[in-house]
Amino acid sequence: MGDRISSKYMNNIEKNSPPASLGEARLGFRGTIRAIEADRAQGTLPASELEKRLLELGFTEGMSVAILHEGPIAHDPIAVRVGSATFALRRSEARAILVDATP
């Protein structure tokens, strides 16, 4: 899926660059979901189950996302707004969500 983009550059992703993972983004990130690739996550759920849960919560292609809060230890978990709802996600699960930054 191309080169991984370092988290310190997440807020400066260009529109034509490869999608980056929401799990690598930092507080204040705003963007659009490009795809869900559950194989990228490193959680305890099987990839098919994680993908199903994310889709049921509204993490679908084209939806706007924003990181509203980071936990105090290792910046985990993160509070993510998708559409008009807010969810807490582990960064390991958020790695399954590929995003493009909003300029």
C-alpha atoms as a PDB file:
ATOM      1  CA  MET A   1       0.000   0.000   0.000  1.00  0.00           C
ATOM      2  CA  GLY A   2       2.999   2.293  -0.412  1.00  0.00           C
ATOM      3  CA  ASP A   3       5.357   3.850   2.078  1.00  0.00           C
ATOM      4  CA  ARG A   4       4.137   4.447   5.615  1.00  0.00           C
ATOM      5  CA  ILE A   5       4.010   8.097   6.546  1.00  0.00           C
ATOM      6  CA  SER A   6       5.623   9.217   9.788  1.00  0.00           C
ATOM      7  CA  SER A   7       3.187  10.463  12.425  1.00  0.00           C
ATOM      8  CA  LYS A   8       4.947  13.818  12.741  1.00  0.00           C
ATOM      9  CA  TYR A   9       3.912  14.615   9.159  1.00  0.00           C
ATOM     10  CA  MET A  10       0.277  13.477   9.477  1.00  0.00           C
ATOM     11  CA  ASN A  11      -1.192  16.981   9.536  1.00  0.00           C
ATOM     12  CA  ASN A  12       0.637  17.854   6.292  1.00  0.00           C
ATOM     13  CA  ILE A  13      -0.434  14.903   4.137  1.00  0.00           C
ATOM     14  CA  GLU A  14      -0.974  15.955   0.561  1.00  0.00           C
ATOM     15  CA  LYS A  15      -4.123  14.940  -1.262  1.00  0.00           C
ATOM     16  CA  ASN A  16      -2.265  12.758  -3.781  1.00  0.00           C
ATOM     17  CA  SER A  17      -0.102  10.985  -1.220  1.00  0.00           C
ATOM     18  CA  PRO A  18      -0.813   7.398  -0.189  1.00  0.00           C
ATOM     19  CA  PRO A  19      -3.361   7.102   2.613  1.00  0.00           C
ATOM     20  CA  ALA A  20      -2.017   7.008   6.147  1.00  0.00           C
ATOM     21  CA  SER A  21      -3.414   5.214   9.139  1.00  0.00           C
ATOM     22  CA  LEU A  22      -5.603   7.008  11.674  1.00  0.00           C
ATOM     23  CA  GLY A  23      -3.644   5.143  14.354  1.00  0.00           C
ATOM     24  CA  GLU A  24      -0.542   7.166  13.424  1.00  0.00           C
ATOM     25  CA  ALA A  25      -2.293  10.553  13.505  1.00  0.00           C
ATOM     26  CA  ARG A  26      -2.000  12.950  16.417  1.00  0.00           C
ATOM     27  CA  LEU A  27      -4.364  15.162  18.389  1.00  0.00           C
ATOM     28  CA  GLY A  28      -6.104  17.700  16.159  1.00  0.00           C
ATOM     29  CA  PHE A  29      -5.920  15.585  12.999  1.00  0.00           C
ATOM     30  CA  ARG A  30      -8.858  16.056  10.621  1.00  0.00           C
ATOM     31  CA  GLY A  31      -9.418  14.047   7.506  1.00  0.00           C
ATOM     32  CA  THR A  32     -11.541  11.723   5.422  1.00  0.00           C
ATOM     33  CA  ILE A  33     -11.679   7.947   5.569  1.00  0.00           C
ATOM     34  CA  ARG A  34     -10.327   6.397   2.395  1.00  0.00           C
ATOM     35  CA  ALA A  35     -10.573   2.697   3.311  1.00  0.00           C
ATOM     36  CA  ILE A  36     -10.701   0.101   6.071  1.00  0.00           C
ATOM     37  CA  GLU A  37      -7.897  -2.483   5.982  1.00  0.00           C
ATOM     38  CA  ALA A  38      -8.366  -4.567   9.109  1.00  0.00           C
ATOM     39  CA  ASP A  39      -5.257  -6.650   8.324  1.00  0.00           C
ATOM     40  CA  ARG A  40      -3.144  -3.616   9.328  1.00  0.00           C
ATOM     41  CA  ALA A  41      -4.481  -3.605  12.899  1.00  0.00           C
ATOM     42  CA  GLN A  42      -2.558  -5.338  15.670  1.00  0.00           C
ATOM     43  CA  GLY A  43      -5.416  -5.965  18.077  1.00  0.00           C
ATOM     44  CA  THR A  44      -6.871  -9.079  19.604  1.00  0.00           C
ATOM     45  CA  LEU A  45      -9.877  -9.271  17.291  1.00  0.00           C
ATOM     46  CA  PRO A  46      -9.749 -11.224  14.036  1.00  0.00           C
ATOM     47  CA  ALA A  47      -9.511  -8.855  11.048  1.00  0.00           C
ATOM     48  CA  SER A  48     -12.997  -9.726   9.772  1.00  0.00           C
ATOM     49  CA  GLU A  49     -14.576  -8.966  13.170  1.00  0.00           C
ATOM     50  CA  LEU A  50     -12.725  -5.648  13.534  1.00  0.00           C
ATOM     51  CA  GLU A  51     -13.749  -4.571  10.036  1.00  0.00           C
ATOM     52  CA  LYS A  52     -17.384  -5.470  10.763  1.00  0.00           C
ATOM     53  CA  ARG A  53     -17.388  -3.507  14.037  1.00  0.00           C
ATOM     54  CA  LEU A  54     -15.762  -0.419  12.517  1.00  0.00           C
ATOM     55  CA  LEU A  55     -18.260  -0.395   9.650  1.00  0.00           C
ATOM     56  CA  GLU A  56     -21.181  -0.789  12.076  1.00  0.00           C
ATOM     57  CA  LEU A  57     -19.919   2.213  14.063  1.00  0.00           C
ATOM     58  CA  GLY A  58     -19.890   4.357  10.908  1.00  0.00           C
ATOM     59  CA  PHE A  59     -16.237   4.243   9.908  1.00  0.00           C
ATOM     60  CA  THR A  60     -17.013   4.125   6.193  1.00  0.00           C
ATOM     61  CA  GLU A  61     -15.285   5.463   3.109  1.00  0.00           C
ATOM     62  CA  GLY A  62     -15.829   9.185   2.621  1.00  0.00           C
ATOM     63  CA  MET A  63     -16.788   9.997   6.228  1.00  0.00           C
ATOM     64  CA  SER A  64     -15.001  12.846   7.969  1.00  0.00           C
ATOM     65  CA  VAL A  65     -12.908  11.992  11.028  1.00  0.00           C
ATOM     66  CA  ALA A  66     -11.135  14.014  13.696  1.00  0.00           C
ATOM     67  CA  ILE A  67      -8.998  13.112  16.703  1.00  0.00           C
ATOM     68  CA  LEU A  68     -10.390  15.017  19.677  1.00  0.00           C
ATOM     69  CA  HIS A  69      -8.389  13.578  22.572  1.00  0.00           C
ATOM     70  CA  GLU A  70      -5.409  11.322  23.312  1.00  0.00           C
ATOM     71  CA  GLY A  71      -4.878   9.240  26.414  1.00  0.00           C
ATOM     72  CA  PRO A  72      -2.051  10.249  28.758  1.00  0.00           C
ATOM     73  CA  ILE A  73       0.029   7.083  28.354  1.00  0.00           C
ATOM     74  CA  ALA A  74       1.497   6.519  24.897  1.00  0.00           C
ATOM     75  CA  HIS A  75      -1.292   8.777  23.528  1.00  0.00           C
ATOM     76  CA  ASP A  76      -3.651   5.801  23.769  1.00  0.00           C
ATOM     77  CA  PRO A  77      -6.627   5.429  23.478  1.00  0.00           C
ATOM     78  CA  ILE A  78      -7.858   8.191  21.165  1.00  0.00           C
ATOM     79  CA  ALA A  79     -11.257   9.878  21.020  1.00  0.00           C
ATOM     80  CA  VAL A  80     -12.344   9.997  17.385  1.00  0.00           C
ATOM     81  CA  ARG A  81     -15.279  11.871  15.917  1.00  0.00           C
ATOM     82  CA  VAL A  82     -16.707  10.204  12.823  1.00  0.00           C
ATOM     83  CA  GLY A  83     -19.607  12.103  11.336  1.00  0.00           C
ATOM     84  CA  SER A  84     -21.520  13.388  14.379  1.00  0.00           C
ATOM     85  CA  ALA A  85     -20.599  10.533  16.773  1.00  0.00           C
ATOM     86  CA  THR A  86     -17.555  10.219  19.042  1.00  0.00           C
ATOM     87  CA  PHE A  87     -15.844   6.913  19.888  1.00  0.00           C
ATOM     88  CA  ALA A  88     -12.817   5.794  21.863  1.00  0.00           C
ATOM     89  CA  LEU A  89     -10.454   3.546  19.897  1.00  0.00           C
ATOM     90  CA  ARG A  90      -7.155   1.914  20.666  1.00  0.00           C
ATOM     91  CA  ARG A  91      -4.439   3.084  18.310  1.00  0.00           C
ATOM     92  CA  SER A  92      -3.843  -0.558  17.354  1.00  0.00           C
ATOM     93  CA  GLU A  93      -7.449  -0.713  16.061  1.00  0.00           C
ATOM     94  CA  ALA A  94      -7.295   2.734  14.450  1.00  0.00           C
ATOM     95  CA  ARG A  95      -4.386   1.523  12.291  1.00  0.00           C
ATOM     96  CA  ALA A  96      -7.010  -0.304  10.218  1.00  0.00           C
ATOM     97  CA  ILE A  97      -8.556   3.024   9.171  1.00  0.00           C
ATOM     98  CA  LEU A  98      -6.774   4.646   6.220  1.00  0.00           C
ATOM     99  CA  VAL A  99      -7.272   8.391   5.956  1.00  0.00           C
ATOM    100  CA  ASP A 100      -6.443  11.435   3.879  1.00  0.00           C
ATOM    101  CA  ALA A 101      -5.827  14.693   5.741  1.00  0.00           C
ATOM    102  CA  THR A 102      -8.182  17.598   5.173  1.00  0.00           C
ATOM    103  CA  PRO A 103      -6.208  20.645   4.029  1.00  0.00           C
END
